[in-house]
Structure formats: structure tokens, C-alpha cells
N, C-alpha and C. Protein backbone atom coordinates (compact mmCIF):
# COMPACT_ATOMS: atom_id res chain seq x y z
N MET A 1 8.33 20.67 17.39
CA MET A 1 8.39 19.32 16.92
C MET A 1 9.52 19.22 15.91
N ILE A 2 10.09 18.04 15.84
CA ILE A 2 11.13 17.75 14.85
C ILE A 2 10.49 16.88 13.77
N VAL A 3 10.76 17.21 12.52
CA VAL A 3 10.26 16.42 11.39
C VAL A 3 11.47 15.83 10.67
N LEU A 4 11.46 14.51 10.53
CA LEU A 4 12.49 13.81 9.76
C LEU A 4 11.84 13.36 8.46
N LEU A 5 12.39 13.78 7.34
CA LEU A 5 11.86 13.39 6.04
C LEU A 5 12.90 12.49 5.36
N TYR A 6 12.68 11.18 5.47
CA TYR A 6 13.57 10.20 4.85
C TYR A 6 13.19 10.06 3.38
N PHE A 7 14.21 9.92 2.50
CA PHE A 7 13.89 9.77 1.08
C PHE A 7 15.02 9.08 0.33
N ASP A 8 14.62 8.48 -0.79
CA ASP A 8 15.57 7.91 -1.75
C ASP A 8 15.79 8.94 -2.85
N TRP A 9 16.99 8.93 -3.43
CA TRP A 9 17.32 9.89 -4.47
C TRP A 9 17.99 9.16 -5.61
N VAL A 10 17.49 9.36 -6.83
CA VAL A 10 18.07 8.72 -8.01
C VAL A 10 18.60 9.75 -9.01
N GLY A 11 18.65 11.00 -8.61
CA GLY A 11 19.14 12.07 -9.49
C GLY A 11 20.60 12.38 -9.23
N SER A 12 21.05 13.45 -9.85
CA SER A 12 22.45 13.87 -9.69
C SER A 12 22.61 14.69 -8.40
N VAL A 13 23.85 14.87 -8.01
CA VAL A 13 24.15 15.70 -6.84
C VAL A 13 23.75 17.15 -7.12
N THR A 14 23.95 17.60 -8.34
CA THR A 14 23.57 18.97 -8.71
C THR A 14 22.07 19.18 -8.55
N GLU A 15 21.26 18.22 -8.98
CA GLU A 15 19.81 18.33 -8.84
C GLU A 15 19.41 18.34 -7.37
N LEU A 16 20.08 17.52 -6.57
CA LEU A 16 19.78 17.48 -5.14
C LEU A 16 20.15 18.81 -4.48
N LYS A 17 21.27 19.39 -4.86
CA LYS A 17 21.67 20.69 -4.32
C LYS A 17 20.63 21.76 -4.66
N GLU A 18 20.14 21.74 -5.90
CA GLU A 18 19.12 22.72 -6.31
C GLU A 18 17.85 22.57 -5.50
N LEU A 19 17.40 21.33 -5.33
CA LEU A 19 16.20 21.08 -4.53
C LEU A 19 16.42 21.50 -3.08
N ASN A 20 17.59 21.20 -2.56
CA ASN A 20 17.91 21.56 -1.18
C ASN A 20 17.84 23.08 -0.98
N GLU A 21 18.33 23.84 -1.95
CA GLU A 21 18.27 25.30 -1.85
C GLU A 21 16.83 25.81 -1.87
N LYS A 22 15.98 25.18 -2.70
CA LYS A 22 14.56 25.56 -2.71
C LYS A 22 13.93 25.31 -1.35
N ILE A 23 14.25 24.17 -0.76
CA ILE A 23 13.68 23.81 0.54
C ILE A 23 14.16 24.79 1.62
N LYS A 24 15.42 25.15 1.60
CA LYS A 24 15.94 26.13 2.56
C LYS A 24 15.18 27.46 2.45
N THR A 25 14.97 27.91 1.22
CA THR A 25 14.27 29.18 0.98
C THR A 25 12.84 29.13 1.50
N VAL A 26 12.14 28.05 1.19
CA VAL A 26 10.75 27.89 1.65
C VAL A 26 10.69 27.86 3.18
N CYS A 27 11.63 27.17 3.79
CA CYS A 27 11.66 27.11 5.27
C CYS A 27 11.87 28.50 5.86
N ASP A 28 12.81 29.26 5.30
CA ASP A 28 13.08 30.62 5.79
C ASP A 28 11.83 31.49 5.70
N GLN A 29 11.09 31.36 4.60
CA GLN A 29 9.91 32.18 4.39
C GLN A 29 8.72 31.71 5.22
N GLY A 30 8.69 30.41 5.57
CA GLY A 30 7.53 29.85 6.25
C GLY A 30 7.69 29.67 7.74
N GLY A 31 8.80 30.11 8.31
CA GLY A 31 8.98 30.01 9.75
C GLY A 31 9.36 28.62 10.25
N VAL A 32 9.80 27.75 9.33
CA VAL A 32 10.25 26.42 9.72
C VAL A 32 11.77 26.44 9.76
N ARG A 33 12.34 25.94 10.83
CA ARG A 33 13.80 25.93 10.95
C ARG A 33 14.37 24.73 10.20
N TYR A 34 15.21 24.98 9.22
CA TYR A 34 15.88 23.93 8.45
C TYR A 34 17.08 23.46 9.25
N LEU A 35 17.13 22.17 9.57
CA LEU A 35 18.21 21.63 10.40
C LEU A 35 19.27 20.89 9.60
N GLY A 36 19.03 20.69 8.30
CA GLY A 36 20.07 20.11 7.46
C GLY A 36 19.66 18.86 6.73
N LEU A 37 20.55 18.44 5.86
CA LEU A 37 20.42 17.21 5.08
C LEU A 37 21.48 16.24 5.59
N TYR A 38 21.05 15.03 5.91
CA TYR A 38 21.96 14.04 6.49
C TYR A 38 21.87 12.73 5.72
N GLY A 39 22.92 11.95 5.81
CA GLY A 39 22.92 10.60 5.27
C GLY A 39 22.73 9.64 6.44
N PRO A 40 21.55 9.03 6.56
CA PRO A 40 21.28 8.18 7.72
C PRO A 40 22.05 6.85 7.65
N MET A 41 22.30 6.28 8.80
CA MET A 41 22.93 4.96 8.85
C MET A 41 21.82 3.90 8.80
N ASN A 42 21.01 3.99 7.79
CA ASN A 42 19.85 3.14 7.61
C ASN A 42 19.88 2.69 6.15
N GLN A 43 19.92 1.41 5.92
CA GLN A 43 20.05 0.91 4.56
C GLN A 43 18.82 1.19 3.70
N LYS A 44 17.70 1.47 4.31
CA LYS A 44 16.47 1.68 3.54
C LYS A 44 16.47 3.01 2.80
N TRP A 45 17.03 4.07 3.38
CA TRP A 45 16.91 5.41 2.82
C TRP A 45 18.27 5.98 2.45
N ASN A 46 18.31 6.80 1.39
CA ASN A 46 19.54 7.46 0.98
C ASN A 46 19.87 8.69 1.83
N TYR A 47 18.83 9.48 2.16
CA TYR A 47 19.04 10.75 2.87
C TYR A 47 17.89 11.00 3.85
N VAL A 48 18.12 12.00 4.73
CA VAL A 48 17.06 12.48 5.60
C VAL A 48 17.23 14.00 5.77
N TRP A 49 16.14 14.74 5.57
CA TRP A 49 16.11 16.16 5.89
C TRP A 49 15.56 16.30 7.29
N MET A 50 16.06 17.28 8.03
CA MET A 50 15.56 17.53 9.38
C MET A 50 15.06 18.96 9.47
N PHE A 51 13.88 19.09 10.11
CA PHE A 51 13.24 20.39 10.27
C PHE A 51 12.72 20.53 11.71
N ASP A 52 12.59 21.76 12.13
CA ASP A 52 12.00 22.07 13.43
C ASP A 52 10.85 23.04 13.17
N ALA A 53 9.65 22.67 13.61
CA ALA A 53 8.46 23.51 13.40
C ALA A 53 7.64 23.55 14.69
N ARG A 54 6.93 24.64 14.89
CA ARG A 54 6.08 24.75 16.08
C ARG A 54 4.87 23.82 15.99
N THR A 55 4.31 23.69 14.75
CA THR A 55 3.13 22.84 14.55
C THR A 55 3.28 22.07 13.24
N TYR A 56 2.47 21.01 13.11
CA TYR A 56 2.48 20.26 11.87
C TYR A 56 1.93 21.11 10.73
N GLU A 57 0.96 21.96 11.02
CA GLU A 57 0.38 22.83 10.00
C GLU A 57 1.44 23.78 9.44
N GLU A 58 2.29 24.30 10.31
CA GLU A 58 3.37 25.18 9.89
C GLU A 58 4.31 24.44 8.93
N PHE A 59 4.67 23.21 9.30
CA PHE A 59 5.52 22.42 8.42
C PHE A 59 4.80 22.09 7.12
N GLY A 60 3.54 21.69 7.22
CA GLY A 60 2.76 21.33 6.03
C GLY A 60 2.62 22.49 5.05
N ASN A 61 2.41 23.69 5.56
CA ASN A 61 2.31 24.86 4.68
C ASN A 61 3.60 25.08 3.90
N ALA A 62 4.74 24.91 4.57
CA ALA A 62 6.02 25.06 3.88
C ALA A 62 6.25 23.91 2.90
N ALA A 63 5.93 22.70 3.31
CA ALA A 63 6.18 21.51 2.48
C ALA A 63 5.37 21.55 1.19
N ARG A 64 4.17 22.09 1.25
CA ARG A 64 3.31 22.14 0.05
C ARG A 64 3.85 23.08 -1.02
N GLN A 65 4.79 23.93 -0.67
CA GLN A 65 5.35 24.87 -1.64
C GLN A 65 6.43 24.24 -2.52
N VAL A 66 6.92 23.07 -2.12
CA VAL A 66 7.94 22.36 -2.91
C VAL A 66 7.38 20.98 -3.22
N HIS A 67 7.10 20.74 -4.50
CA HIS A 67 6.54 19.45 -4.90
C HIS A 67 7.62 18.37 -4.89
N ARG A 68 7.20 17.13 -4.66
CA ARG A 68 8.15 16.02 -4.64
C ARG A 68 8.84 15.93 -6.00
N HIS A 69 10.13 15.94 -5.98
CA HIS A 69 10.95 15.88 -7.19
C HIS A 69 10.80 14.51 -7.85
N VAL A 70 10.81 14.47 -9.17
CA VAL A 70 10.65 13.20 -9.89
C VAL A 70 11.81 12.23 -9.62
N LYS A 71 12.93 12.75 -9.16
CA LYS A 71 14.09 11.89 -8.85
C LYS A 71 14.05 11.36 -7.41
N MET A 72 12.93 11.61 -6.72
CA MET A 72 12.72 11.13 -5.36
C MET A 72 11.59 10.09 -5.40
N PRO A 73 11.91 8.83 -5.68
CA PRO A 73 10.86 7.83 -5.87
C PRO A 73 10.11 7.44 -4.59
N HIS A 74 10.76 7.56 -3.44
CA HIS A 74 10.13 7.16 -2.17
C HIS A 74 10.50 8.17 -1.09
N HIS A 75 9.54 8.43 -0.21
CA HIS A 75 9.84 9.27 0.95
C HIS A 75 8.81 8.97 2.05
N ILE A 76 9.21 9.30 3.27
CA ILE A 76 8.32 9.13 4.41
C ILE A 76 8.73 10.15 5.47
N ALA A 77 7.75 10.70 6.16
CA ALA A 77 8.03 11.67 7.22
C ALA A 77 7.82 11.02 8.58
N GLU A 78 8.71 11.33 9.48
CA GLU A 78 8.58 10.90 10.88
C GLU A 78 8.47 12.16 11.72
N ILE A 79 7.42 12.26 12.52
CA ILE A 79 7.17 13.43 13.36
C ILE A 79 7.56 13.10 14.78
N LEU A 80 8.45 13.89 15.36
CA LEU A 80 8.87 13.71 16.75
C LEU A 80 8.28 14.84 17.56
N ILE A 81 7.39 14.49 18.47
CA ILE A 81 6.68 15.49 19.28
C ILE A 81 7.33 15.58 20.66
N PRO A 82 7.64 16.80 21.12
CA PRO A 82 8.27 16.96 22.44
C PRO A 82 7.38 16.37 23.53
N GLN A 83 8.01 15.74 24.48
CA GLN A 83 7.29 15.11 25.60
C GLN A 83 7.62 15.89 26.87
N ASP A 84 6.60 16.23 27.60
CA ASP A 84 6.78 16.96 28.85
C ASP A 84 6.61 15.97 30.00
N ILE A 85 7.73 15.37 30.40
CA ILE A 85 7.64 14.37 31.49
C ILE A 85 8.39 14.83 32.71
């Protein structure tokens, strides 16, 4: 499954880089593939992180290791489940 985590950011670029490195480390340790940080062409959100996980539980276990940063006032996850058609 692909997980898109859209979020707003009100902190500095340095703080975002630090958080991004923590997320990469947690993903490596938790078996979740980190696919990158992107700037979506969507006016609602500042950024989107992309992840690839076998199960939602696998992603959830990794996500719980990094608490939402205080400079991230809003976020939402979109789960894309593979379709076998």
C-alpha cells in the first residue's frame, strides 16, 4: 500500500530537514519504504510524504515512533490500496 501524508508546515527548513531525517530512520528500522518528501500541486497542503508499506499496521508502528511536530498544525493521511483487477 502507498501512504500519502499531507501536511502544513510553519517551521523553518532546518526543522523540517531534522524531522525528515527522523522519519527516514524510523522507516528504515520499521520496514516501511520511505518514498520521499514532495511539494504537492494542491493549494490546501504545503507538503506530502510518501511511504510504501505492506500493511497499515506496519506503517502505524513506524508512525507512532515520531510524534507530530508542533510546527505541523494540520495533517491527513491518504491510504492507497493496490487493486487486483
